[in-house]
C-alpha atoms as a PDB file:
ATOM      1  CA  PHE A   1     180.584 170.428  59.433  1.00  0.00           C
ATOM      2  CA  ASP A   2     180.988 174.148  59.931  1.00  0.00           C
ATOM      3  CA  PHE A   3     184.148 175.294  58.185  1.00  0.00           C
ATOM      4  CA  SER A   4     183.466 178.993  58.712  1.00  0.00           C
ATOM      5  CA  SER A   5     185.806 179.210  61.700  1.00  0.00           C
ATOM      6  CA  LEU A   6     188.796 178.016  59.643  1.00  0.00           C
ATOM      7  CA  SER A   7     191.183 180.544  58.163  1.00  0.00           C
ATOM      8  CA  GLU A   8     191.815 180.428  54.425  1.00  0.00           C
ATOM      9  CA  ALA A   9     195.130 178.612  54.956  1.00  0.00           C
ATOM     10  CA  SER A  10     193.573 176.099  57.383  1.00  0.00           C
ATOM     11  CA  ARG A  11     190.648 175.499  55.037  1.00  0.00           C
ATOM     12  CA  LYS A  12     193.063 174.741  52.200  1.00  0.00           C
ATOM     13  CA  GLU A  13     194.934 172.147  54.289  1.00  0.00           C
ATOM     14  CA  PHE A  14     191.696 170.628  55.513  1.00  0.00           C
ATOM     15  CA  LEU A  15     190.243 170.304  51.997  1.00  0.00           C
ATOM     16  CA  THR A  16     193.484 168.675  50.847  1.00  0.00           C
ATOM     17  CA  LEU A  17     192.971 166.042  53.502  1.00  0.00           C
ATOM     18  CA  LEU A  18     189.324 165.511  52.571  1.00  0.00           C
ATOM     19  CA  THR A  19     190.102 164.984  48.900  1.00  0.00           C
ATOM     20  CA  ASP A  20     193.285 162.912  49.303  1.00  0.00           C
ATOM     21  CA  GLU A  21     192.226 160.510  52.071  1.00  0.00           C
ATOM     22  CA  PHE A  22     189.691 157.713  51.770  1.00  0.00           C
ATOM     23  CA  ASP A  23     186.809 156.925  54.099  1.00  0.00           C
ATOM     24  CA  TYR A  24     188.152 155.543  57.389  1.00  0.00           C
ATOM     25  CA  CYS A  25     185.352 152.974  57.545  1.00  0.00           C
ATOM     26  CA  GLY A  26     186.387 151.359  54.268  1.00  0.00           C
ATOM     27  CA  ARG A  27     183.903 152.728  51.787  1.00  0.00           C
ATOM     28  CA  PRO A  28     185.285 153.398  48.286  1.00  0.00           C
ATOM     29  CA  LEU A  29     184.881 157.142  48.805  1.00  0.00           C
ATOM     30  CA  THR A  30     187.142 160.042  49.627  1.00  0.00           C
ATOM     31  CA  LEU A  31     186.547 161.626  53.002  1.00  0.00           C
ATOM     32  CA  LEU A  32     184.813 164.494  51.236  1.00  0.00           C
ATOM     33  CA  GLY A  33     182.502 162.061  49.468  1.00  0.00           C
ATOM     34  CA  ALA A  34     181.896 160.113  52.663  1.00  0.00           C
ATOM     35  CA  ILE A  35     180.851 163.084  54.791  1.00  0.00           C
ATOM     36  CA  LYS A  36     178.374 164.167  52.105  1.00  0.00           C
ATOM     37  CA  LYS A  37     176.467 160.927  52.676  1.00  0.00           C
ATOM     38  CA  ALA A  38     173.598 160.975  55.148  1.00  0.00           C
ATOM     39  CA  ASP A  39     174.783 157.652  56.545  1.00  0.00           C
ATOM     40  CA  VAL A  40     178.451 158.604  57.001  1.00  0.00           C
ATOM     41  CA  CYS A  41     179.952 156.273  59.601  1.00  0.00           C
ATOM     42  CA  LYS A  42     180.466 157.669  63.069  1.00  0.00           C
ATOM     43  CA  HIS A  43     184.191 156.842  63.144  1.00  0.00           C
ATOM     44  CA  THR A  44     184.823 158.841  59.977  1.00  0.00           C
ATOM     45  CA  ARG A  45     182.679 161.698  61.262  1.00  0.00           C
ATOM     46  CA  ARG A  46     184.651 161.794  64.514  1.00  0.00           C
ATOM     47  CA  LEU A  47     188.033 161.772  62.784  1.00  0.00           C
ATOM     48  CA  VAL A  48     187.022 164.449  60.289  1.00  0.00           C
ATOM     49  CA  GLY A  49     185.981 166.628  63.227  1.00  0.00           C
ATOM     50  CA  TRP A  50     189.361 165.985  64.849  1.00  0.00           C
ATOM     51  CA  ALA A  51     191.109 166.796  61.572  1.00  0.00           C
ATOM     52  CA  ALA A  52     189.243 170.101  61.337  1.00  0.00           C
ATOM     53  CA  LYS A  53     190.403 170.955  64.861  1.00  0.00           C
ATOM     54  CA  LEU A  54     194.025 170.146  63.963  1.00  0.00           C
ATOM     55  CA  ALA A  55     193.788 172.228  60.792  1.00  0.00           C
ATOM     56  CA  LYS A  56     192.372 175.140  62.781  1.00  0.00           C
ATOM     57  CA  GLU A  57     195.363 174.872  65.127  1.00  0.00           C
ATOM     58  CA  GLY A  58     197.692 175.227  62.145  1.00  0.00           C
ATOM     59  CA  SER A  59     198.683 171.643  61.362  1.00  0.00           C
ATOM     60  CA  PRO A  60     199.425 170.970  57.670  1.00  0.00           C
ATOM     61  CA  ALA A  61     197.504 168.249  55.831  1.00  0.00           C
ATOM     62  CA  HIS A  62     200.402 165.766  55.760  1.00  0.00           C
ATOM     63  CA  ASP A  63     200.851 166.013  59.542  1.00  0.00           C
ATOM     64  CA  ILE A  64     197.141 165.491  60.111  1.00  0.00           C
ATOM     65  CA  VAL A  65     197.143 162.450  57.821  1.00  0.00           C
ATOM     66  CA  LEU A  66     200.076 160.985  59.752  1.00  0.00           C
ATOM     67  CA  GLN A  67     198.492 161.620  63.148  1.00  0.00           C
ATOM     68  CA  LEU A  68     195.165 160.055  62.169  1.00  0.00           C
ATOM     69  CA  SER A  69     196.925 157.117  60.531  1.00  0.00           C
ATOM     70  CA  GLN A  70     198.979 156.432  63.668  1.00  0.00           C
ATOM     71  CA  TYR A  71     195.810 156.665  65.747  1.00  0.00           C
ATOM     72  CA  ASN A  72     193.972 154.153  63.560  1.00  0.00           C
ATOM     73  CA  GLN A  73     196.931 151.763  63.679  1.00  0.00           C
ATOM     74  CA  THR A  74     196.621 151.522  67.464  1.00  0.00           C
ATOM     75  CA  PHE A  75     193.418 149.544  66.909  1.00  0.00           C
ATOM     76  CA  THR A  76     194.990 146.964  64.607  1.00  0.00           C
ATOM     77  CA  LYS A  77     198.370 146.492  66.297  1.00  0.00           C
ATOM     78  CA  SER A  78     198.920 143.946  69.060  1.00  0.00           C
ATOM     79  CA  ARG A  79     197.642 145.248  72.361  1.00  0.00           C
ATOM     80  CA  GLN A  80     199.401 145.176  75.688  1.00  0.00           C
ATOM     81  CA  THR A  81     198.233 142.853  78.440  1.00  0.00           C
ATOM     82  CA  LEU A  82     198.013 144.987  81.561  1.00  0.00           C
ATOM     83  CA  LYS A  83     196.838 142.943  84.505  1.00  0.00           C
ATOM     84  CA  VAL A  84     196.096 145.056  87.545  1.00  0.00           C
ATOM     85  CA  ALA A  85     196.610 142.758  90.518  1.00  0.00           C
ATOM     86  CA  ASN A  86     194.948 144.960  93.129  1.00  0.00           C
ATOM     87  CA  GLU A  87     191.395 146.131  92.442  1.00  0.00           C
ATOM     88  CA  LEU A  88     191.714 148.863  95.082  1.00  0.00           C
ATOM     89  CA  MET A  89     193.730 150.813  92.501  1.00  0.00           C
ATOM     90  CA  CYS A  90     190.758 150.792  90.131  1.00  0.00           C
ATOM     91  CA  VAL A  91     187.290 152.313  90.032  1.00  0.00           C
ATOM     92  CA  GLY A  92     184.359 151.189  87.939  1.00  0.00           C
ATOM     93  CA  PRO A  93     182.865 147.762  87.216  1.00  0.00           C
ATOM     94  CA  LYS A  94     185.259 144.822  86.933  1.00  0.00           C
ATOM     95  CA  ASP A  95     183.372 143.524  83.895  1.00  0.00           C
ATOM     96  CA  ALA A  96     183.435 146.843  82.021  1.00  0.00           C
ATOM     97  CA  LYS A  97     183.968 146.558  78.275  1.00  0.00           C
ATOM     98  CA  VAL A  98     186.573 149.313  78.379  1.00  0.00           C
ATOM     99  CA  THR A  99     189.470 149.536  80.843  1.00  0.00           C
ATOM    100  CA  LEU A 100     191.584 152.672  80.989  1.00  0.00           C
ATOM    101  CA  VAL A 101     194.967 152.249  82.668  1.00  0.00           C
ATOM    102  CA  GLU A 102     197.114 155.240  83.589  1.00  0.00           C
ATOM    103  CA  PHE A 103     200.782 155.163  84.574  1.00  0.00           C
ATOM    104  CA  SER A 104     201.556 158.313  86.528  1.00  0.00           C
ATOM    105  CA  ASP A 105     204.074 159.979  88.837  1.00  0.00           C
ATOM    106  CA  PHE A 106     202.848 161.907  91.882  1.00  0.00           C
ATOM    107  CA  GLU A 107     205.382 164.704  91.230  1.00  0.00           C
ATOM    108  CA  CYS A 108     204.702 164.948  87.485  1.00  0.00           C
ATOM    109  CA  PRO A 109     202.913 168.255  86.700  1.00  0.00           C
ATOM    110  CA  HIS A 110     201.351 166.783  83.540  1.00  0.00           C
ATOM    111  CA  CYS A 111     199.890 163.976  85.656  1.00  0.00           C
ATOM    112  CA  ALA A 112     198.443 166.505  88.082  1.00  0.00           C
ATOM    113  CA  ALA A 113     196.854 168.387  85.178  1.00  0.00           C
ATOM    114  CA  ALA A 114     195.414 165.150  83.765  1.00  0.00           C
ATOM    115  CA  ARG A 115     193.944 163.965  87.077  1.00  0.00           C
ATOM    116  CA  PRO A 116     190.723 166.043  87.114  1.00  0.00           C
ATOM    117  CA  VAL A 117     190.138 165.264  83.434  1.00  0.00           C
ATOM    118  CA  LEU A 118     190.482 161.531  84.006  1.00  0.00           C
ATOM    119  CA  GLU A 119     188.405 161.682  87.179  1.00  0.00           C
ATOM    120  CA  ALA A 120     185.554 163.465  85.405  1.00  0.00           C
ATOM    121  CA  PHE A 121     185.756 161.088  82.451  1.00  0.00           C
ATOM    122  CA  ALA A 122     185.655 158.009  84.696  1.00  0.00           C
ATOM    123  CA  LYS A 123     182.542 159.355  86.438  1.00  0.00           C
ATOM    124  CA  GLN A 124     180.898 160.161  83.112  1.00  0.00           C
ATOM    125  CA  LYS A 125     181.309 156.650  81.668  1.00  0.00           C
ATOM    126  CA  SER A 126     179.438 154.160  83.833  1.00  0.00           C
ATOM    127  CA  GLN A 127     180.831 151.222  81.844  1.00  0.00           C
ATOM    128  CA  LEU A 128     184.475 152.259  82.182  1.00  0.00           C
ATOM    129  CA  ARG A 129     187.008 150.704  84.542  1.00  0.00           C
ATOM    130  CA  PHE A 130     189.769 153.164  85.388  1.00  0.00           C
ATOM    131  CA  CYS A 131     193.019 152.082  87.045  1.00  0.00           C
ATOM    132  CA  SER A 132     195.774 154.442  88.159  1.00  0.00           C
ATOM    133  CA  LEU A 133     199.186 152.804  88.570  1.00  0.00           C
ATOM    134  CA  PRO A 134     202.162 154.603  90.127  1.00  0.00           C
ATOM    135  CA  TYR A 135     205.234 155.027  87.951  1.00  0.00           C
ATOM    136  CA  PRO A 136     207.682 157.076  90.058  1.00  0.00           C
ATOM    137  CA  LEU A 137     210.408 158.702  87.984  1.00  0.00           C
ATOM    138  CA  PRO A 138     213.974 158.790  89.331  1.00  0.00           C
ATOM    139  CA  GLY A 139     214.270 162.514  88.676  1.00  0.00           C
ATOM    140  CA  HIS A 140     211.507 163.352  91.158  1.00  0.00           C
ATOM    141  CA  ALA A 141     212.873 163.374  94.693  1.00  0.00           C
ATOM    142  CA  ASN A 142     209.596 162.648  96.492  1.00  0.00           C
ATOM    143  CA  ALA A 143     207.900 160.374  93.960  1.00  0.00           C
ATOM    144  CA  LEU A 144     209.080 157.089  95.456  1.00  0.00           C
ATOM    145  CA  LEU A 145     208.026 157.970  99.015  1.00  0.00           C
ATOM    146  CA  ALA A 146     204.705 159.299  97.718  1.00  0.00           C
ATOM    147  CA  THR A 147     204.132 156.011  95.907  1.00  0.00           C
ATOM    148  CA  GLN A 148     204.881 154.064  99.083  1.00  0.00           C
ATOM    149  CA  ALA A 149     202.397 156.261 100.941  1.00  0.00           C
ATOM    150  CA  ALA A 150     199.720 155.489  98.342  1.00  0.00           C
ATOM    151  CA  LEU A 151     200.339 151.748  98.551  1.00  0.00           C
ATOM    152  CA  PHE A 152     200.384 151.895 102.353  1.00  0.00           C
ATOM    153  CA  ALA A 153     197.056 153.754 102.340  1.00  0.00           C
ATOM    154  CA  ARG A 154     195.688 151.121  99.947  1.00  0.00           C
ATOM    155  CA  GLU A 155     196.067 148.516 102.680  1.00  0.00           C
ATOM    156  CA  SER A 156     193.398 150.402 104.650  1.00  0.00           C
ATOM    157  CA  GLY A 157     191.179 150.996 101.625  1.00  0.00           C
ATOM    158  CA  LYS A 158     192.377 154.593 101.269  1.00  0.00           C
ATOM    159  CA  TYR A 159     194.387 154.438  98.054  1.00  0.00           C
ATOM    160  CA  TRP A 160     192.241 156.983  96.246  1.00  0.00           C
ATOM    161  CA  PRO A 161     192.054 159.527  99.103  1.00  0.00           C
ATOM    162  CA  MET A 162     195.860 159.399  99.333  1.00  0.00           C
ATOM    163  CA  HIS A 163     196.180 159.487  95.532  1.00  0.00           C
ATOM    164  CA  ASP A 164     194.062 162.635  95.379  1.00  0.00           C
ATOM    165  CA  ALA A 165     195.750 164.299  98.361  1.00  0.00           C
ATOM    166  CA  LEU A 166     199.205 163.780  96.865  1.00  0.00           C
ATOM    167  CA  PHE A 167     198.223 165.343  93.557  1.00  0.00           C
ATOM    168  CA  GLU A 168     196.261 168.175  95.148  1.00  0.00           C
ATOM    169  CA  ASN A 169     199.325 169.108  97.226  1.00  0.00           C
ATOM    170  CA  GLN A 170     201.946 168.296  94.625  1.00  0.00           C
ATOM    171  CA  LEU A 171     203.921 171.506  95.122  1.00  0.00           C
ATOM    172  CA  SER A 172     204.161 170.834  98.859  1.00  0.00           C
ATOM    173  CA  LEU A 173     205.465 167.289  98.647  1.00  0.00           C
ATOM    174  CA  SER A 174     208.321 166.480 100.985  1.00  0.00           C
ATOM    175  CA  GLU A 175     209.061 163.695 103.426  1.00  0.00           C
ATOM    176  CA  THR A 176     207.540 165.727 106.267  1.00  0.00           C
ATOM    177  CA  PHE A 177     204.411 166.586 104.297  1.00  0.00           C
ATOM    178  CA  ILE A 178     203.865 163.030 103.039  1.00  0.00           C
ATOM    179  CA  ARG A 179     204.142 161.731 106.600  1.00  0.00           C
ATOM    180  CA  SER A 180     201.615 164.361 107.682  1.00  0.00           C
ATOM    181  CA  LEU A 181     199.161 163.005 105.088  1.00  0.00           C
ATOM    182  CA  ILE A 182     199.499 159.568 106.657  1.00  0.00           C
ATOM    183  CA  VAL A 183     198.327 161.039 109.954  1.00  0.00           C
ATOM    184  CA  LYS A 184     195.634 163.160 108.332  1.00  0.00           C
ATOM    185  CA  LEU A 185     194.075 160.087 106.729  1.00  0.00           C
ATOM    186  CA  GLY A 186     193.976 158.332 110.089  1.00  0.00           C
ATOM    187  CA  LEU A 187     196.765 155.871 109.314  1.00  0.00           C
ATOM    188  CA  ASP A 188     199.457 154.722 111.720  1.00  0.00           C
ATOM    189  CA  LEU A 189     202.654 156.686 111.166  1.00  0.00           C
ATOM    190  CA  LYS A 190     204.944 154.244 112.967  1.00  0.00           C
ATOM    191  CA  THR A 191     203.683 151.372 110.833  1.00  0.00           C
ATOM    192  CA  PHE A 192     204.260 153.450 107.706  1.00  0.00           C
ATOM    193  CA  ASP A 193     207.803 154.356 108.746  1.00  0.00           C
ATOM    194  CA  LYS A 194     208.503 150.687 109.406  1.00  0.00           C
ATOM    195  CA  ALA A 195     207.131 149.738 105.978  1.00  0.00           C
ATOM    196  CA  VAL A 196     209.401 152.313 104.334  1.00  0.00           C
ATOM    197  CA  SER A 197     212.515 151.280 106.266  1.00  0.00           C
ATOM    198  CA  SER A 198     211.895 147.598 105.491  1.00  0.00           C
ATOM    199  CA  ARG A 199     211.273 148.425 101.799  1.00  0.00           C
ATOM    200  CA  ARG A 200     207.982 146.538 101.960  1.00  0.00           C
ATOM    201  CA  PHE A 201     206.594 148.027  98.757  1.00  0.00           C
ATOM    202  CA  ILE A 202     209.757 148.334  96.654  1.00  0.00           C
ATOM    203  CA  ASP A 203     209.363 144.994  94.862  1.00  0.00           C
ATOM    204  CA  GLU A 204     205.782 145.847  93.918  1.00  0.00           C
ATOM    205  CA  ILE A 205     206.797 149.294  92.704  1.00  0.00           C
ATOM    206  CA  GLU A 206     209.560 147.802  90.565  1.00  0.00           C
ATOM    207  CA  ALA A 207     207.072 145.290  89.169  1.00  0.00           C
ATOM    208  CA  LEU A 208     204.666 148.104  88.259  1.00  0.00           C
ATOM    209  CA  LYS A 209     207.455 150.017  86.545  1.00  0.00           C
ATOM    210  CA  GLU A 210     208.539 146.905  84.640  1.00  0.00           C
ATOM    211  CA  LEU A 211     204.933 146.373  83.557  1.00  0.00           C
ATOM    212  CA  GLY A 212     204.903 149.931  82.251  1.00  0.00           C
ATOM    213  CA  ARG A 213     208.284 149.710  80.549  1.00  0.00           C
ATOM    214  CA  SER A 214     207.370 146.477  78.775  1.00  0.00           C
ATOM    215  CA  ALA A 215     204.148 148.111  77.553  1.00  0.00           C
ATOM    216  CA  GLY A 216     206.028 151.097  76.129  1.00  0.00           C
ATOM    217  CA  VAL A 217     205.712 153.714  78.865  1.00  0.00           C
ATOM    218  CA  ASP A 218     208.317 156.375  78.135  1.00  0.00           C
ATOM    219  CA  ALA A 219     206.766 159.364  79.896  1.00  0.00           C
ATOM    220  CA  THR A 220     204.074 160.193  82.412  1.00  0.00           C
ATOM    221  CA  PRO A 221     201.193 160.154  82.194  1.00  0.00           C
ATOM    222  CA  THR A 222     200.814 157.293  79.704  1.00  0.00           C
ATOM    223  CA  LEU A 223     197.346 155.887  79.079  1.00  0.00           C
ATOM    224  CA  PHE A 224     196.197 152.551  77.697  1.00  0.00           C
ATOM    225  CA  MET A 225     192.635 151.791  76.657  1.00  0.00           C
ATOM    226  CA  ASN A 226     192.024 148.049  76.544  1.00  0.00           C
ATOM    227  CA  GLY A 227     195.772 147.653  76.108  1.00  0.00           C
ATOM    228  CA  ARG A 228     195.936 150.196  73.279  1.00  0.00           C
ATOM    229  CA  LYS A 229     198.447 152.974  73.928  1.00  0.00           C
ATOM    230  CA  LEU A 230     196.691 156.303  73.497  1.00  0.00           C
ATOM    231  CA  LEU A 231     198.368 158.773  71.147  1.00  0.00           C
ATOM    232  CA  ILE A 232     195.992 161.635  71.870  1.00  0.00           C
ATOM    233  CA  ALA A 233     195.806 164.673  74.088  1.00  0.00           C
ATOM    234  CA  THR A 234     194.417 163.980  77.555  1.00  0.00           C
ATOM    235  CA  SER A 235     191.237 165.983  77.189  1.00  0.00           C
ATOM    236  CA  GLY A 236     187.621 165.091  77.772  1.00  0.00           C
ATOM    237  CA  ASP A 237     186.787 165.456  74.070  1.00  0.00           C
ATOM    238  CA  MET A 238     189.617 163.238  72.862  1.00  0.00           C
ATOM    239  CA  LEU A 239     189.045 160.603  75.534  1.00  0.00           C
ATOM    240  CA  GLY A 240     185.377 160.561  74.568  1.00  0.00           C
ATOM    241  CA  LEU A 241     186.280 160.172  70.897  1.00  0.00           C
ATOM    242  CA  THR A 242     188.567 157.200  71.441  1.00  0.00           C
ATOM    243  CA  TYR A 243     186.182 155.617  73.968  1.00  0.00           C
ATOM    244  CA  ASP A 244     183.342 155.734  71.423  1.00  0.00           C
ATOM    245  CA  ASP A 245     185.667 154.337  68.759  1.00  0.00           C
ATOM    246  CA  GLU A 246     186.716 151.525  71.086  1.00  0.00           C
ATOM    247  CA  VAL A 247     183.120 150.566  71.893  1.00  0.00           C
ATOM    248  CA  GLU A 248     182.189 150.524  68.209  1.00  0.00           C
ATOM    249  CA  TRP A 249     185.353 148.620  67.287  1.00  0.00           C
ATOM    250  CA  LEU A 250     184.449 145.912  69.791  1.00  0.00           C
ATOM    251  CA  ALA A 251     180.802 145.832  68.715  1.00  0.00           C
ATOM    252  CA  GLY A 252     181.889 145.465  65.093  1.00  0.00           C
ATOM    253  CA  ASN A 253     184.186 142.490  65.870  1.00  0.00           C
ATOM    254  CA  ARG A 254     187.407 144.484  65.462  1.00  0.00           C
ATOM    255  CA  ALA A 255     186.051 146.799  62.787  1.00  0.00           C
ATOM    256  CA  TRP A 256     184.011 149.975  62.678  1.00  0.00           C
ATOM    257  CA  PRO A 257     180.467 149.708  61.358  1.00  0.00           C
ATOM    258  CA  SER A 258     180.130 151.302  57.908  1.00  0.00           C
ATOM    259  CA  ASN A 259     177.322 153.571  59.030  1.00  0.00           C
END
C-alpha cells in the first residue's frame, strides 16, 4: 500500500483504523498486522484499499470503521428474494452466480449518471446477470409514462433500446417526446396509446414498486447484488470490489477465504 498520497491528518486516521480493527477474514491480527503478511486475504486487502481512499477523502477513522462494518454486515444479514418475472428486462446468463438488480426512475438524474457505469460493468463481467427494474417516483411527472413506454417496447423485444433512449434524452422527456420514441423504435403508436388509456401496465408497475419497497428501496437508484442491498457508491471500482467479494463469499460457503 502506498500511503505517500495521504496527508498527515489522513494518515493519522488511517493508521488508527489499521491498529484498532482486526483482520476482516478472521485472523487473530490487527489490520496492520494482516497486511504485513504475504498471504493477506484478498477481502482484507480490498477493504484496506477502500479505507485508504476514504481517509484520503477526509473521513475520520470512526466513520470508516462504521462504513466498512455496515458493508460487511450486508453479507451476513438475510438477503432479499428478488424474482424478476420477465427475462427481457435482464442481460447476461440466467445461470450466472451473481445477479445485480437495479431499481431506477427514468427521470432520476442519479439513475442517468449510474446507467453508463452499470452498462460498462455488466459488459465487463461475463458471469453477471444484470436486471433493470423501473421504479417511477411520484414526484417525477413523466416517469410513469416513460415506464409504460419501456414495458410496451419490451413486448416487441425492445426494452433495452427504449430504456437507453429514455435515459439518453432524460432532459427532453415529455408526453410528446415519449410518444415520438415509440415511433422512432418502429412501434405502433395507436396500440401504445390504447395500452396507456386502458392502464394495461399499471398493475405490473405497482407490483414492481411493491417488490422494491418490501426489499428496502427508499431512493433511486437502489442496487441489490444476489439480494444484498449495496451500501456503496455506484462506481466501477466499488462495484468490482463488491462483485469480487461476493464471488469469494460464495466460493467459501458464506465466508471469505483466509488467504
